[in-house]
Amino acid sequence: MIESFKKRSSSDSVTKDDAQYLIYLLEAFVNLTFSDNGISPLLGKSAIEQFTKILDPSYGSEAIL
């Protein structure tokens, strides 16, 4: 899941469909990380770095343009 998320969110041109897919993946990550077992697969895969990147306001404004 995290590799798919990183690939789709790293693209220079995020489409509307990509954005919807990313939202679904983020919702899944939220649900998974309610337990320690869900957090473990995210460790060491730059997940938090990628989450931080797409939450930056400049990332969203560039994707909209």
PDB file of N, CA and C in Angstrom:
ATOM      1  N   MET A   1       0.814  -1.197   0.000  1.00  0.00           N
ATOM      2  CA  MET A   1       0.000   0.000   0.000  1.00  0.00           C
ATOM      3  C   MET A   1       0.857   1.261   0.000  1.00  0.00           C
ATOM      4  N   ILE A   2       1.898   1.256   0.848  1.00  0.00           N
ATOM      5  CA  ILE A   2       2.706   2.466   0.950  1.00  0.00           C
ATOM      6  C   ILE A   2       3.461   2.740  -0.338  1.00  0.00           C
ATOM      7  N   GLU A   3       3.911   1.692  -1.010  1.00  0.00           N
ATOM      8  CA  GLU A   3       4.623   1.901  -2.274  1.00  0.00           C
ATOM      9  C   GLU A   3       3.679   2.491  -3.326  1.00  0.00           C
ATOM     10  N   SER A   4       2.455   2.033  -3.361  1.00  0.00           N
ATOM     11  CA  SER A   4       1.465   2.580  -4.291  1.00  0.00           C
ATOM     12  C   SER A   4       1.180   4.039  -3.957  1.00  0.00           C
ATOM     13  N   PHE A   5       1.073   4.328  -2.669  1.00  0.00           N
ATOM     14  CA  PHE A   5       0.820   5.700  -2.229  1.00  0.00           C
ATOM     15  C   PHE A   5       1.970   6.615  -2.640  1.00  0.00           C
ATOM     16  N   LYS A   6       3.195   6.176  -2.401  1.00  0.00           N
ATOM     17  CA  LYS A   6       4.353   6.998  -2.743  1.00  0.00           C
ATOM     18  C   LYS A   6       4.439   7.227  -4.247  1.00  0.00           C
ATOM     19  N   LYS A   7       4.176   6.185  -5.019  1.00  0.00           N
ATOM     20  CA  LYS A   7       4.241   6.312  -6.475  1.00  0.00           C
ATOM     21  C   LYS A   7       3.199   7.307  -6.992  1.00  0.00           C
ATOM     22  N   ARG A   8       1.972   7.170  -6.534  1.00  0.00           N
ATOM     23  CA  ARG A   8       0.899   8.041  -7.026  1.00  0.00           C
ATOM     24  C   ARG A   8       1.061   9.483  -6.549  1.00  0.00           C
ATOM     25  N   SER A   9       1.552   9.665  -5.327  1.00  0.00           N
ATOM     26  CA  SER A   9       1.656  11.027  -4.787  1.00  0.00           C
ATOM     27  C   SER A   9       2.950  11.713  -5.203  1.00  0.00           C
ATOM     28  N   SER A  10       3.898  10.985  -5.758  1.00  0.00           N
ATOM     29  CA  SER A  10       5.160  11.570  -6.206  1.00  0.00           C
ATOM     30  C   SER A  10       5.098  12.065  -7.634  1.00  0.00           C
ATOM     31  N   SER A  11       4.053  11.732  -8.319  1.00  0.00           N
ATOM     32  CA  SER A  11       3.915  12.116  -9.720  1.00  0.00           C
ATOM     33  C   SER A  11       3.876  13.632  -9.868  1.00  0.00           C
ATOM     34  N   ASP A  12       4.422  14.121 -10.976  1.00  0.00           N
ATOM     35  CA  ASP A  12       4.391  15.562 -11.237  1.00  0.00           C
ATOM     36  C   ASP A  12       2.981  16.051 -11.559  1.00  0.00           C
ATOM     37  N   SER A  13       2.166  15.186 -12.110  1.00  0.00           N
ATOM     38  CA  SER A  13       0.801  15.577 -12.453  1.00  0.00           C
ATOM     39  C   SER A  13      -0.185  14.586 -11.841  1.00  0.00           C
ATOM     40  N   VAL A  14      -0.792  14.990 -10.741  1.00  0.00           N
ATOM     41  CA  VAL A  14      -1.765  14.155 -10.055  1.00  0.00           C
ATOM     42  C   VAL A  14      -3.139  14.447 -10.651  1.00  0.00           C
ATOM     43  N   THR A  15      -3.772  13.423 -11.183  1.00  0.00           N
ATOM     44  CA  THR A  15      -5.098  13.593 -11.769  1.00  0.00           C
ATOM     45  C   THR A  15      -6.160  13.540 -10.686  1.00  0.00           C
ATOM     46  N   LYS A  16      -7.368  13.854 -11.057  1.00  0.00           N
ATOM     47  CA  LYS A  16      -8.487  13.794 -10.111  1.00  0.00           C
ATOM     48  C   LYS A  16      -8.662  12.359  -9.602  1.00  0.00           C
ATOM     49  N   ASP A  17      -8.543  11.390 -10.495  1.00  0.00           N
ATOM     50  CA  ASP A  17      -8.658   9.988 -10.088  1.00  0.00           C
ATOM     51  C   ASP A  17      -7.537   9.587  -9.134  1.00  0.00           C
ATOM     52  N   ASP A  18      -6.320  10.059  -9.403  1.00  0.00           N
ATOM     53  CA  ASP A  18      -5.202   9.790  -8.493  1.00  0.00           C
ATOM     54  C   ASP A  18      -5.478  10.386  -7.118  1.00  0.00           C
ATOM     55  N   ALA A  19      -5.992  11.592  -7.104  1.00  0.00           N
ATOM     56  CA  ALA A  19      -6.281  12.267  -5.836  1.00  0.00           C
ATOM     57  C   ALA A  19      -7.326  11.487  -5.038  1.00  0.00           C
ATOM     58  N   GLN A  20      -8.362  11.004  -5.702  1.00  0.00           N
ATOM     59  CA  GLN A  20      -9.387  10.225  -5.009  1.00  0.00           C
ATOM     60  C   GLN A  20      -8.793   8.929  -4.470  1.00  0.00           C
ATOM     61  N   TYR A  21      -7.961   8.286  -5.267  1.00  0.00           N
ATOM     62  CA  TYR A  21      -7.286   7.054  -4.843  1.00  0.00           C
ATOM     63  C   TYR A  21      -6.413   7.326  -3.616  1.00  0.00           C
ATOM     64  N   LEU A  22      -5.687   8.439  -3.618  1.00  0.00           N
ATOM     65  CA  LEU A  22      -4.836   8.792  -2.487  1.00  0.00           C
ATOM     66  C   LEU A  22      -5.656   9.037  -1.225  1.00  0.00           C
ATOM     67  N   ILE A  23      -6.809   9.631  -1.389  1.00  0.00           N
ATOM     68  CA  ILE A  23      -7.690   9.851  -0.235  1.00  0.00           C
ATOM     69  C   ILE A  23      -8.120   8.515   0.362  1.00  0.00           C
ATOM     70  N   TYR A  24      -8.497   7.571  -0.495  1.00  0.00           N
ATOM     71  CA  TYR A  24      -8.884   6.245  -0.007  1.00  0.00           C
ATOM     72  C   TYR A  24      -7.719   5.557   0.707  1.00  0.00           C
ATOM     73  N   LEU A  25      -6.524   5.672   0.149  1.00  0.00           N
ATOM     74  CA  LEU A  25      -5.360   5.071   0.799  1.00  0.00           C
ATOM     75  C   LEU A  25      -5.073   5.729   2.146  1.00  0.00           C
ATOM     76  N   LEU A  26      -5.189   7.048   2.220  1.00  0.00           N
ATOM     77  CA  LEU A  26      -4.976   7.731   3.502  1.00  0.00           C
ATOM     78  C   LEU A  26      -5.981   7.272   4.546  1.00  0.00           C
ATOM     79  N   GLU A  27      -7.238   7.110   4.141  1.00  0.00           N
ATOM     80  CA  GLU A  27      -8.252   6.607   5.067  1.00  0.00           C
ATOM     81  C   GLU A  27      -7.895   5.205   5.552  1.00  0.00           C
ATOM     82  N   ALA A  28      -7.392   4.373   4.653  1.00  0.00           N
ATOM     83  CA  ALA A  28      -6.983   3.022   5.037  1.00  0.00           C
ATOM     84  C   ALA A  28      -5.813   3.071   6.015  1.00  0.00           C
ATOM     85  N   PHE A  29      -4.847   3.960   5.764  1.00  0.00           N
ATOM     86  CA  PHE A  29      -3.711   4.084   6.675  1.00  0.00           C
ATOM     87  C   PHE A  29      -4.162   4.531   8.055  1.00  0.00           C
ATOM     88  N   VAL A  30      -5.103   5.448   8.111  1.00  0.00           N
ATOM     89  CA  VAL A  30      -5.623   5.902   9.407  1.00  0.00           C
ATOM     90  C   VAL A  30      -6.212   4.722  10.160  1.00  0.00           C
ATOM     91  N   ASN A  31      -7.022   3.931   9.484  1.00  0.00           N
ATOM     92  CA  ASN A  31      -7.639   2.780  10.140  1.00  0.00           C
ATOM     93  C   ASN A  31      -6.602   1.741  10.569  1.00  0.00           C
ATOM     94  N   LEU A  32      -5.591   1.519   9.752  1.00  0.00           N
ATOM     95  CA  LEU A  32      -4.564   0.537  10.083  1.00  0.00           C
ATOM     96  C   LEU A  32      -3.702   0.958  11.261  1.00  0.00           C
ATOM     97  N   THR A  33      -3.446   2.234  11.385  1.00  0.00           N
ATOM     98  CA  THR A  33      -2.513   2.697  12.415  1.00  0.00           C
ATOM     99  C   THR A  33      -3.146   2.869  13.789  1.00  0.00           C
ATOM    100  N   PHE A  34      -4.372   2.434  13.943  1.00  0.00           N
ATOM    101  CA  PHE A  34      -4.975   2.453  15.275  1.00  0.00           C
ATOM    102  C   PHE A  34      -4.367   1.382  16.173  1.00  0.00           C
ATOM    103  N   SER A  35      -3.634   0.451  15.595  1.00  0.00           N
ATOM    104  CA  SER A  35      -2.976  -0.584  16.393  1.00  0.00           C
ATOM    105  C   SER A  35      -1.483  -0.612  16.061  1.00  0.00           C
ATOM    106  N   ASP A  36      -0.708  -1.166  16.980  1.00  0.00           N
ATOM    107  CA  ASP A  36       0.736  -1.274  16.755  1.00  0.00           C
ATOM    108  C   ASP A  36       1.044  -2.157  15.557  1.00  0.00           C
ATOM    109  N   ASN A  37       0.241  -3.180  15.328  1.00  0.00           N
ATOM    110  CA  ASN A  37       0.460  -4.068  14.182  1.00  0.00           C
ATOM    111  C   ASN A  37       0.300  -3.328  12.863  1.00  0.00           C
ATOM    112  N   GLY A  38      -0.523  -2.304  12.835  1.00  0.00           N
ATOM    113  CA  GLY A  38      -0.716  -1.523  11.622  1.00  0.00           C
ATOM    114  C   GLY A  38       0.382  -0.511  11.382  1.00  0.00           C
ATOM    115  N   ILE A  39       1.057  -0.103  12.444  1.00  0.00           N
ATOM    116  CA  ILE A  39       2.129   0.875  12.325  1.00  0.00           C
ATOM    117  C   ILE A  39       3.412   0.220  11.814  1.00  0.00           C
ATOM    118  N   SER A  40       3.691  -0.974  12.244  1.00  0.00           N
ATOM    119  CA  SER A  40       4.945  -1.652  11.910  1.00  0.00           C
ATOM    120  C   SER A  40       5.252  -1.700  10.410  1.00  0.00           C
ATOM    121  N   PRO A  41       4.297  -2.032   9.535  1.00  0.00           N
ATOM    122  CA  PRO A  41       4.624  -2.089   8.105  1.00  0.00           C
ATOM    123  C   PRO A  41       5.015  -0.740   7.496  1.00  0.00           C
ATOM    124  N   LEU A  42       4.672   0.360   8.156  1.00  0.00           N
ATOM    125  CA  LEU A  42       5.004   1.687   7.633  1.00  0.00           C
ATOM    126  C   LEU A  42       6.407   2.144   8.013  1.00  0.00           C
ATOM    127  N   LEU A  43       6.989   1.504   9.005  1.00  0.00           N
ATOM    128  CA  LEU A  43       8.301   1.927   9.493  1.00  0.00           C
ATOM    129  C   LEU A  43       9.390   1.611   8.476  1.00  0.00           C
ATOM    130  N   GLY A  44      10.283   2.570   8.275  1.00  0.00           N
ATOM    131  CA  GLY A  44      11.417   2.376   7.386  1.00  0.00           C
ATOM    132  C   GLY A  44      11.094   2.473   5.905  1.00  0.00           C
ATOM    133  N   LYS A  45       9.935   3.003   5.562  1.00  0.00           N
ATOM    134  CA  LYS A  45       9.545   3.090   4.153  1.00  0.00           C
ATOM    135  C   LYS A  45       9.270   4.526   3.710  1.00  0.00           C
ATOM    136  N   SER A  46       9.737   5.498   4.462  1.00  0.00           N
ATOM    137  CA  SER A  46       9.559   6.926   4.152  1.00  0.00           C
ATOM    138  C   SER A  46       8.088   7.335   4.091  1.00  0.00           C
ATOM    139  N   ALA A  47       7.238   6.608   4.783  1.00  0.00           N
ATOM    140  CA  ALA A  47       5.798   6.894   4.749  1.00  0.00           C
ATOM    141  C   ALA A  47       5.492   8.275   5.333  1.00  0.00           C
ATOM    142  N   ILE A  48       6.032   8.553   6.498  1.00  0.00           N
ATOM    143  CA  ILE A  48       5.744   9.827   7.153  1.00  0.00           C
ATOM    144  C   ILE A  48       6.266  10.985   6.325  1.00  0.00           C
ATOM    145  N   GLU A  49       7.426  10.830   5.732  1.00  0.00           N
ATOM    146  CA  GLU A  49       7.984  11.876   4.863  1.00  0.00           C
ATOM    147  C   GLU A  49       7.032  12.177   3.702  1.00  0.00           C
ATOM    148  N   GLN A  50       6.477  11.131   3.089  1.00  0.00           N
ATOM    149  CA  GLN A  50       5.565  11.320   1.964  1.00  0.00           C
ATOM    150  C   GLN A  50       4.242  11.928   2.424  1.00  0.00           C
ATOM    151  N   PHE A  51       3.738  11.506   3.584  1.00  0.00           N
ATOM    152  CA  PHE A  51       2.502  12.086   4.118  1.00  0.00           C
ATOM    153  C   PHE A  51       2.695  13.583   4.359  1.00  0.00           C
ATOM    154  N   THR A  52       3.836  13.936   4.944  1.00  0.00           N
ATOM    155  CA  THR A  52       4.135  15.341   5.225  1.00  0.00           C
ATOM    156  C   THR A  52       4.211  16.143   3.931  1.00  0.00           C
ATOM    157  N   LYS A  53       4.807  15.570   2.915  1.00  0.00           N
ATOM    158  CA  LYS A  53       4.952  16.264   1.633  1.00  0.00           C
ATOM    159  C   LYS A  53       3.594  16.607   1.029  1.00  0.00           C
ATOM    160  N   ILE A  54       2.687  15.640   0.996  1.00  0.00           N
ATOM    161  CA  ILE A  54       1.408  15.930   0.332  1.00  0.00           C
ATOM    162  C   ILE A  54       0.489  16.793   1.180  1.00  0.00           C
ATOM    163  N   LEU A  55       0.767  16.899   2.477  1.00  0.00           N
ATOM    164  CA  LEU A  55      -0.042  17.776   3.333  1.00  0.00           C
ATOM    165  C   LEU A  55       0.441  19.219   3.304  1.00  0.00           C
ATOM    166  N   ASP A  56       1.589  19.459   2.689  1.00  0.00           N
ATOM    167  CA  ASP A  56       2.115  20.811   2.550  1.00  0.00           C
ATOM    168  C   ASP A  56       1.212  21.599   1.603  1.00  0.00           C
ATOM    169  N   PRO A  57       0.755  22.787   1.995  1.00  0.00           N
ATOM    170  CA  PRO A  57      -0.145  23.570   1.135  1.00  0.00           C
ATOM    171  C   PRO A  57       0.404  23.836  -0.266  1.00  0.00           C
ATOM    172  N   SER A  58       1.712  23.971  -0.399  1.00  0.00           N
ATOM    173  CA  SER A  58       2.269  24.244  -1.731  1.00  0.00           C
ATOM    174  C   SER A  58       2.097  23.049  -2.666  1.00  0.00           C
ATOM    175  N   TYR A  59       2.112  21.828  -2.122  1.00  0.00           N
ATOM    176  CA  TYR A  59       1.912  20.636  -2.952  1.00  0.00           C
ATOM    177  C   TYR A  59       0.490  20.649  -3.542  1.00  0.00           C
ATOM    178  N   GLY A  60      -0.483  20.935  -2.715  1.00  0.00           N
ATOM    179  CA  GLY A  60      -1.868  20.956  -3.181  1.00  0.00           C
ATOM    180  C   GLY A  60      -2.134  22.065  -4.189  1.00  0.00           C
ATOM    181  N   SER A  61      -1.549  23.231  -3.977  1.00  0.00           N
ATOM    182  CA  SER A  61      -1.793  24.333  -4.908  1.00  0.00           C
ATOM    183  C   SER A  61      -1.127  24.072  -6.247  1.00  0.00           C
ATOM    184  N   GLU A  62       0.013  23.384  -6.247  1.00  0.00           N
ATOM    185  CA  GLU A  62       0.660  23.038  -7.518  1.00  0.00           C
ATOM    186  C   GLU A  62      -0.139  21.995  -8.275  1.00  0.00           C
ATOM    187  N   ALA A  63      -0.715  21.041  -7.566  1.00  0.00           N
ATOM    188  CA  ALA A  63      -1.483  19.961  -8.207  1.00  0.00           C
ATOM    189  C   ALA A  63      -2.770  20.486  -8.823  1.00  0.00           C
ATOM    190  N   ILE A  64      -3.348  21.517  -8.250  1.00  0.00           N
ATOM    191  CA  ILE A  64      -4.606  22.062  -8.743  1.00  0.00           C
ATOM    192  C   ILE A  64      -4.387  22.846 -10.024  1.00  0.00           C
ATOM    193  N   LEU A  65      -3.254  23.528 -10.127  1.00  0.00           N
ATOM    194  CA  LEU A  65      -2.997  24.366 -11.284  1.00  0.00           C
ATOM    195  C   LEU A  65      -2.795  23.595 -12.503  1.00  0.00           C
TER     196      LEU A  65
END
